[in-house]
Protein backbone atom coordinates (compact mmCIF):
# COMPACT_ATOMS: atom_id res chain seq x y z
CA MET A 1 108.80 123.38 83.43
CA SER A 2 106.12 123.52 86.11
CA ASN A 3 107.51 123.89 89.60
CA MET A 4 105.22 120.98 90.50
CA LEU A 5 107.24 118.60 88.30
CA ASN A 6 110.73 117.34 89.01
CA GLU A 7 112.48 116.11 85.83
CA ILE A 8 115.79 114.27 86.25
CA GLU A 9 118.10 112.01 84.22
CA LYS A 10 119.65 109.97 87.00
CA LEU A 11 118.19 107.70 89.65
CA PRO A 12 118.29 109.32 93.09
CA ASP A 13 120.40 107.51 95.66
CA ASP A 14 118.44 104.75 97.42
CA PHE A 15 115.62 104.89 94.81
CA ILE A 16 115.66 101.13 94.23
CA GLU A 17 115.57 100.38 97.96
CA VAL A 18 113.05 102.82 99.48
CA LYS A 19 109.44 102.04 100.28
CA ALA A 20 106.63 103.88 98.52
CA ASP A 21 105.83 105.90 101.64
CA GLN A 22 109.41 107.25 101.66
CA LEU A 23 109.25 108.78 98.18
CA LEU A 24 107.96 112.15 99.38
CA GLU A 25 111.09 112.55 101.47
CA LEU A 26 113.33 111.29 98.65
CA LEU A 27 111.76 113.14 95.69
CA GLY A 28 109.72 115.93 97.25
CA ARG A 29 107.15 116.11 94.43
CA PRO A 30 105.95 114.25 91.32
CA THR A 31 109.04 113.21 89.35
CA LEU A 32 109.78 112.21 85.75
CA ILE A 33 112.98 110.15 85.51
CA HIS A 34 114.73 109.53 82.17
CA LEU A 35 117.19 106.63 81.87
CA GLN A 36 119.19 105.80 78.74
CA GLY A 37 119.02 102.37 77.09
CA GLU A 38 120.28 100.58 73.97
CA ASN A 39 117.19 101.55 71.97
CA PRO A 40 116.70 105.32 72.28
CA ARG A 41 112.89 105.29 71.94
CA PRO A 42 111.72 105.27 75.56
CA LEU A 43 109.15 103.09 77.24
CA PHE A 44 107.03 105.26 79.55
CA ILE A 45 105.96 103.77 82.89
CA CYS A 46 103.49 105.59 85.10
CA THR A 47 103.20 104.69 88.79
CA LEU A 48 101.52 105.90 91.98
CA LEU A 49 98.89 108.10 90.37
CA HIS A 50 96.98 106.78 93.35
CA GLY A 51 99.16 106.84 96.44
CA ASN A 52 97.92 103.57 97.91
CA GLU A 53 98.44 101.57 94.69
CA THR A 54 102.07 100.55 95.08
CA THR A 55 102.49 97.56 92.76
CA GLY A 56 103.77 99.69 89.88
CA PHE A 57 106.51 101.29 91.93
CA TYR A 58 107.77 97.99 93.30
CA ALA A 59 107.66 96.44 89.81
CA VAL A 60 109.83 99.32 88.57
CA GLN A 61 112.29 98.71 91.40
CA LYS A 62 112.41 95.03 90.47
CA ILE A 63 113.26 95.88 86.85
CA LEU A 64 115.90 98.46 87.82
CA LYS A 65 117.58 95.96 90.12
CA LYS A 66 117.70 93.41 87.30
CA TYR A 67 119.50 95.88 85.01
CA GLN A 68 121.59 97.50 87.73
CA GLN A 69 124.85 96.13 86.31
CA GLN A 70 123.98 96.35 82.61
CA LYS A 71 122.51 98.84 80.17
CA LEU A 72 118.74 98.86 79.77
CA PRO A 73 117.62 97.27 76.48
CA ARG A 74 115.49 100.36 75.82
CA SER A 75 115.46 103.86 77.24
CA LEU A 76 113.02 104.24 80.09
CA SER A 77 111.02 107.19 81.39
CA ILE A 78 109.35 106.69 84.77
CA PHE A 79 106.70 109.01 86.19
CA ILE A 80 106.26 108.83 89.96
CA GLY A 81 102.93 110.50 90.71
CA ASN A 82 101.23 111.30 94.00
CA VAL A 83 104.10 111.02 96.48
CA GLU A 84 102.17 113.02 99.10
CA ALA A 85 99.33 110.50 99.14
CA ALA A 86 101.81 107.61 99.03
CA ALA A 87 103.43 108.92 102.21
CA VAL A 88 100.18 108.27 104.09
CA ASN A 89 98.96 105.30 102.00
CA LEU A 90 95.90 107.06 100.58
CA ARG A 91 94.46 107.17 97.07
CA ARG A 92 94.65 110.97 97.28
CA LEU A 93 94.55 113.66 99.95
CA ASP A 94 91.22 115.42 100.51
CA ARG A 95 92.61 118.67 99.11
CA GLN A 96 93.95 116.97 95.97
CA ALA A 97 92.46 116.17 92.62
CA ASP A 98 92.53 112.54 91.49
CA PHE A 99 95.85 112.20 89.63
CA ASN A 100 94.22 109.85 87.10
CA ARG A 101 91.47 112.28 86.13
CA ILE A 102 93.55 115.33 85.18
CA TRP A 103 95.50 114.28 82.08
CA PRO A 104 94.80 115.93 78.68
CA GLY A 105 91.13 115.36 77.90
CA THR A 106 90.14 116.23 81.47
CA GLU A 107 87.27 118.53 82.30
CA GLU A 108 89.52 120.06 84.98
CA ASP A 109 92.25 121.41 82.70
CA TYR A 110 92.40 124.65 84.72
CA LEU A 111 94.16 122.86 87.60
CA ALA A 112 97.89 123.26 88.15
CA GLU A 113 98.19 119.47 88.36
CA ALA A 114 96.51 119.18 84.95
CA HIS A 115 99.11 121.57 83.51
CA MET A 116 101.81 119.32 84.93
CA MET A 117 100.31 116.22 83.31
CA LYS A 118 100.08 118.05 79.98
CA GLN A 119 103.80 118.80 80.26
CA VAL A 120 104.57 115.14 80.85
CA VAL A 121 102.69 114.18 77.67
CA GLU A 122 104.46 116.90 75.67
CA ILE A 123 107.89 115.82 76.96
CA MET A 124 107.27 112.18 76.06
CA SER A 125 105.80 113.07 72.66
CA GLU A 126 109.00 114.95 71.83
CA LYS A 127 110.99 111.85 72.83
CA ASN A 128 108.95 109.73 70.38
CA VAL A 129 107.71 107.45 73.14
CA PHE A 130 107.52 103.74 72.21
CA ALA A 131 104.64 102.73 74.49
CA SER A 132 102.95 103.77 77.71
CA ILE A 133 102.17 101.52 80.68
CA ASP A 134 100.18 102.84 83.65
CA ILE A 135 100.12 100.46 86.61
CA HIS A 136 97.27 100.36 89.12
CA ASN A 137 95.71 98.21 91.82
CA ASN A 138 92.10 97.42 92.57
CA THR A 139 90.65 98.00 96.03
CA GLY A 140 88.31 95.01 95.72
CA LEU A 141 88.87 91.44 94.55
CA ASN A 142 89.50 91.42 90.80
CA PRO A 143 91.60 89.35 88.40
CA HIS A 144 94.66 90.91 86.76
CA TYR A 145 93.60 92.57 83.50
CA GLY A 146 94.65 95.15 80.94
CA CYS A 147 92.69 98.25 79.89
CA ILE A 148 92.84 100.11 76.57
CA ASN A 149 91.18 103.23 75.17
CA VAL A 150 91.60 102.50 71.45
CA LEU A 151 90.35 99.40 69.61
CA ASP A 152 93.47 98.93 67.50
CA LYS A 153 95.75 95.94 66.90
CA LYS A 154 98.82 97.38 68.65
CA TYR A 155 96.85 98.35 71.75
CA LEU A 156 95.03 95.01 71.93
CA ALA A 157 98.28 93.11 71.42
CA LEU A 158 100.01 95.07 74.18
CA ALA A 159 97.18 94.43 76.66
CA GLY A 160 96.89 90.80 75.57
CA LEU A 161 100.52 90.18 76.47
CA PHE A 162 99.59 90.99 80.07
CA SER A 163 96.27 89.19 80.47
CA ASN A 164 93.59 87.20 78.66
CA THR A 165 91.12 89.74 80.05
CA VAL A 166 91.08 93.13 78.34
CA VAL A 167 88.72 96.03 79.08
CA TYR A 168 88.04 98.80 76.55
CA PHE A 169 86.83 102.06 78.07
CA THR A 170 86.36 105.70 77.04
CA SER A 171 85.09 107.13 80.31
CA PRO A 172 85.95 108.59 82.82
CA LYS A 173 87.78 111.43 81.12
CA GLY A 174 91.26 112.66 81.92
CA VAL A 175 92.92 109.29 82.51
CA GLN A 176 96.60 108.79 81.73
CA SER A 177 96.20 105.91 79.32
CA ALA A 178 93.74 107.84 77.11
CA ALA A 179 96.04 110.88 76.98
CA PHE A 180 99.00 108.74 75.87
CA ALA A 181 96.86 106.67 73.49
CA ARG A 182 96.94 109.69 71.17
CA ILE A 183 100.72 109.39 70.74
CA CYS A 184 101.62 105.70 71.25
CA PRO A 185 100.25 102.25 72.14
CA SER A 186 98.99 102.64 75.69
CA VAL A 187 97.69 100.28 78.34
CA THR A 188 96.60 100.35 81.97
CA LEU A 189 97.51 97.31 84.04
CA GLU A 190 95.17 96.36 86.88
CA CYS A 191 97.31 94.16 89.12
CA GLY A 192 94.96 92.97 91.86
CA GLN A 193 95.21 94.37 95.35
CA SER A 194 98.14 96.45 96.55
CA GLY A 195 100.74 94.61 98.60
CA GLN A 196 100.44 91.28 96.81
CA MET A 197 103.76 90.01 95.46
CA ASP A 198 102.18 88.13 92.57
CA GLY A 199 100.99 91.47 91.20
CA VAL A 200 104.50 92.92 91.46
CA SER A 201 106.04 89.89 89.73
CA HIS A 202 103.39 89.86 86.99
CA ALA A 203 103.82 93.58 86.27
CA ALA A 204 107.64 93.38 86.35
CA GLY A 205 107.66 90.45 83.94
CA PHE A 206 105.44 92.37 81.55
CA LEU A 207 107.63 95.49 81.78
CA ASP A 208 110.71 93.42 81.02
CA MET A 209 108.98 91.87 78.01
CA VAL A 210 108.04 95.27 76.55
CA LEU A 211 111.50 96.70 77.27
CA ASN A 212 112.93 93.98 75.04
CA MET A 213 110.41 94.33 72.19
CA ASP A 214 111.60 95.90 68.94
CA ASP A 215 108.13 96.74 67.64
CA PHE A 216 104.47 95.76 67.85
CA SER A 217 104.41 93.28 64.98
CA VAL A 218 102.84 90.73 67.31
CA ASP A 219 99.45 89.19 66.70
CA VAL A 220 96.48 89.85 68.93
CA PRO A 221 96.17 86.71 71.07
CA GLU A 222 93.15 84.64 70.04
CA HIS A 223 92.30 83.87 73.65
CA ILE A 224 91.49 87.48 74.61
CA ASN A 225 88.18 88.10 76.37
CA LEU A 226 87.33 91.69 75.43
CA TYR A 227 84.89 93.76 77.47
CA HIS A 228 83.53 97.26 76.93
CA THR A 229 82.84 99.45 79.94
CA VAL A 230 79.41 100.94 79.29
CA ALA A 231 78.59 102.69 82.59
CA ARG A 232 79.79 103.79 86.03
CA VAL A 233 77.76 103.31 89.21
CA TYR A 234 77.74 105.86 92.03
CA VAL A 235 76.18 106.08 95.46
CA PRO A 236 74.48 109.51 95.65
CA GLU A 237 76.16 111.61 98.34
CA LYS A 238 72.90 112.25 100.18
CA TYR A 239 72.55 108.58 101.10
CA SER A 240 74.51 106.70 103.76
CA PHE A 241 75.63 103.25 102.72
CA GLY A 242 77.33 100.21 104.18
CA PHE A 243 77.38 96.43 104.38
CA SER A 244 75.86 95.75 107.80
CA ASP A 245 72.16 96.71 107.58
CA ASP A 246 72.75 100.01 109.39
CA ALA A 247 72.58 102.52 106.50
CA THR A 248 70.11 103.86 103.96
CA ILE A 249 71.66 101.63 101.29
CA ASN A 250 73.03 98.28 102.45
CA PHE A 251 75.03 96.27 99.94
CA TYR A 252 75.37 92.51 99.79
CA PRO A 253 78.43 91.80 102.01
CA ASP A 254 80.12 89.52 99.45
CA ILE A 255 79.54 91.93 96.58
CA GLU A 256 83.20 91.77 95.52
CA MET A 257 82.52 88.23 94.32
CA TYR A 258 80.40 89.77 91.53
CA ASN A 259 83.48 91.20 89.80
CA PHE A 260 83.94 89.83 86.27
CA VAL A 261 80.88 87.60 86.67
CA GLU A 262 77.99 87.97 84.25
CA LEU A 263 74.91 88.82 86.30
CA GLY A 264 71.37 88.47 85.02
CA SER A 265 68.35 90.72 85.38
CA GLY A 266 66.93 90.59 88.90
CA LYS A 267 70.27 90.02 90.65
CA LEU A 268 70.24 91.61 94.12
CA PHE A 269 72.72 94.41 94.75
CA ALA A 270 71.43 96.08 97.92
CA SER A 271 68.53 96.67 100.23
CA ILE A 272 67.26 100.14 101.13
CA GLU A 273 65.45 101.68 104.06
CA PRO A 274 61.69 101.59 103.52
CA GLU A 275 60.28 104.84 102.13
CA SER A 276 63.79 106.27 101.61
CA GLN A 277 63.44 106.21 97.80
CA ALA A 278 67.20 105.58 97.70
CA PHE A 279 68.76 104.56 94.40
CA LEU A 280 72.09 104.02 92.64
CA GLN A 281 73.12 106.56 90.01
CA VAL A 282 74.45 105.20 86.73
CA LEU A 283 76.18 107.34 84.09
CA ASP A 284 77.08 106.15 80.61
CA ASP A 285 80.15 107.07 78.55
CA ASN A 286 78.62 110.44 77.72
CA ASP A 287 77.74 111.15 81.37
CA LYS A 288 74.06 110.66 80.61
CA ASP A 289 72.01 109.36 83.52
CA VAL A 290 70.89 105.83 82.64
CA SER A 291 70.08 104.64 86.16
CA ASP A 292 66.66 103.22 85.27
CA GLU A 293 68.17 101.22 82.41
CA TYR A 294 70.44 99.25 84.75
CA PHE A 295 68.73 99.11 88.17
CA SER A 296 65.23 98.76 89.57
CA VAL A 297 63.88 99.01 93.11
CA VAL A 298 61.62 96.08 94.00
CA ASN A 299 60.28 95.57 97.55
CA ASN A 300 62.97 97.83 99.05
CA GLN A 301 65.71 96.01 97.18
CA ILE A 302 67.95 97.36 94.41
CA VAL A 303 68.21 94.75 91.65
CA LEU A 304 69.73 94.67 88.20
CA ALA A 305 67.37 95.53 85.37
CA LYS A 306 69.51 93.92 82.64
CA THR A 307 72.38 91.48 82.21
CA VAL A 308 75.80 93.05 82.82
CA MET A 309 79.25 92.25 84.20
CA PRO A 310 80.61 94.47 87.04
CA SER A 311 84.24 95.29 87.71
CA MET A 312 86.08 97.08 90.52
CA LEU A 313 83.37 96.41 93.11
CA THR A 314 84.79 96.91 96.59
CA VAL A 315 83.69 97.02 100.22
CA ASN A 316 86.08 99.92 100.92
CA THR A 317 83.68 102.78 101.68
CA ALA A 318 86.33 105.51 101.29
CA ALA A 319 87.23 104.26 97.80
CA ILE A 320 83.56 104.20 96.82
CA ARG A 321 83.09 107.81 97.92
CA GLN A 322 86.29 109.02 96.24
CA ASP A 323 85.70 107.18 92.97
CA CYS A 324 82.63 105.05 92.33
CA LEU A 325 80.93 101.81 93.40
CA CYS A 326 81.83 99.92 90.23
CA TYR A 327 81.90 99.83 86.46
CA LEU A 328 79.45 97.86 84.31
CA MET A 329 80.71 96.00 81.23
CA GLU A 330 79.47 94.04 78.25
CA LYS A 331 81.48 91.45 76.33
CA ILE A 332 82.30 92.47 72.77
CA SER A 333 84.04 90.88 69.79
CA ILE A 334 87.44 92.01 68.57
CA PRO A 335 86.61 94.37 65.68
CA ASP A 336 88.05 92.81 62.52
CA GLN A 337 87.93 96.01 60.50
CA ARG A 338 90.63 97.65 62.64
CA LEU A 339 92.98 94.69 62.50
């Protein structure tokens, strides 16, 4: 076992009471916890891959408190990720890789952290994992929604039990849900902004539901709105950006209101300094530059060149630099041939 990974079979003292920023002191490093339940096939729950996204951890605590005096209905394996970043309430430290970009399938498989994530997948594969749930928060204003990496009935049904809104994506590479999708039904939960109790309650209720499921013989809910992520939008590093008309690229201040709203061609995204030739970079699922397909510059304004639906737009400049400005989606039909 990698010396980066702590693997244990008992909850540490005070685990169900501590705050997320106390986990570094309690655990010391990323930790995989195995707990026995009535059904031996474990549910895998992944939390705190981003240290400032705490909903998953608090949802796990809520579940563990519920079953504190009784046996879990199903065995449970819990991965607590970036405890160093959680200690200082950051997505990741500057010296760290993004913990949700280094799972099997990553382009950074040479990293020690990537080796650790590979071990986690191998351990859970050997345990015949029942399902995988990775819990995240959005920085900007977004609805609660589920994400999948495989267009298959079990995966759609699992995500549909969490939300009417389901997003199918295949990029970026190296995400946890895609790595586990090779061995079991896998979903990412996006639970709104960190610190909101409705997100914790929603996630905990979903976890409890899956813990008590015998199999995935459930139908895909008819009410699902299914979207396909087709591109990611970045601010090129050479350009300053902001929301107050004092940078090379200045975004519309209420841009978060664009999330999960279908926007037509010509919709304003930002203004740019005259003669700066600034632009937004857009990469498709194959990392091909498709910037001109999605955005145009007209009279020193960046506008959409086609109809799309954004997600994960935020006004948090640090998050934009560390990840991206947003994702662009298109609505798709549930593919009958896979169901």
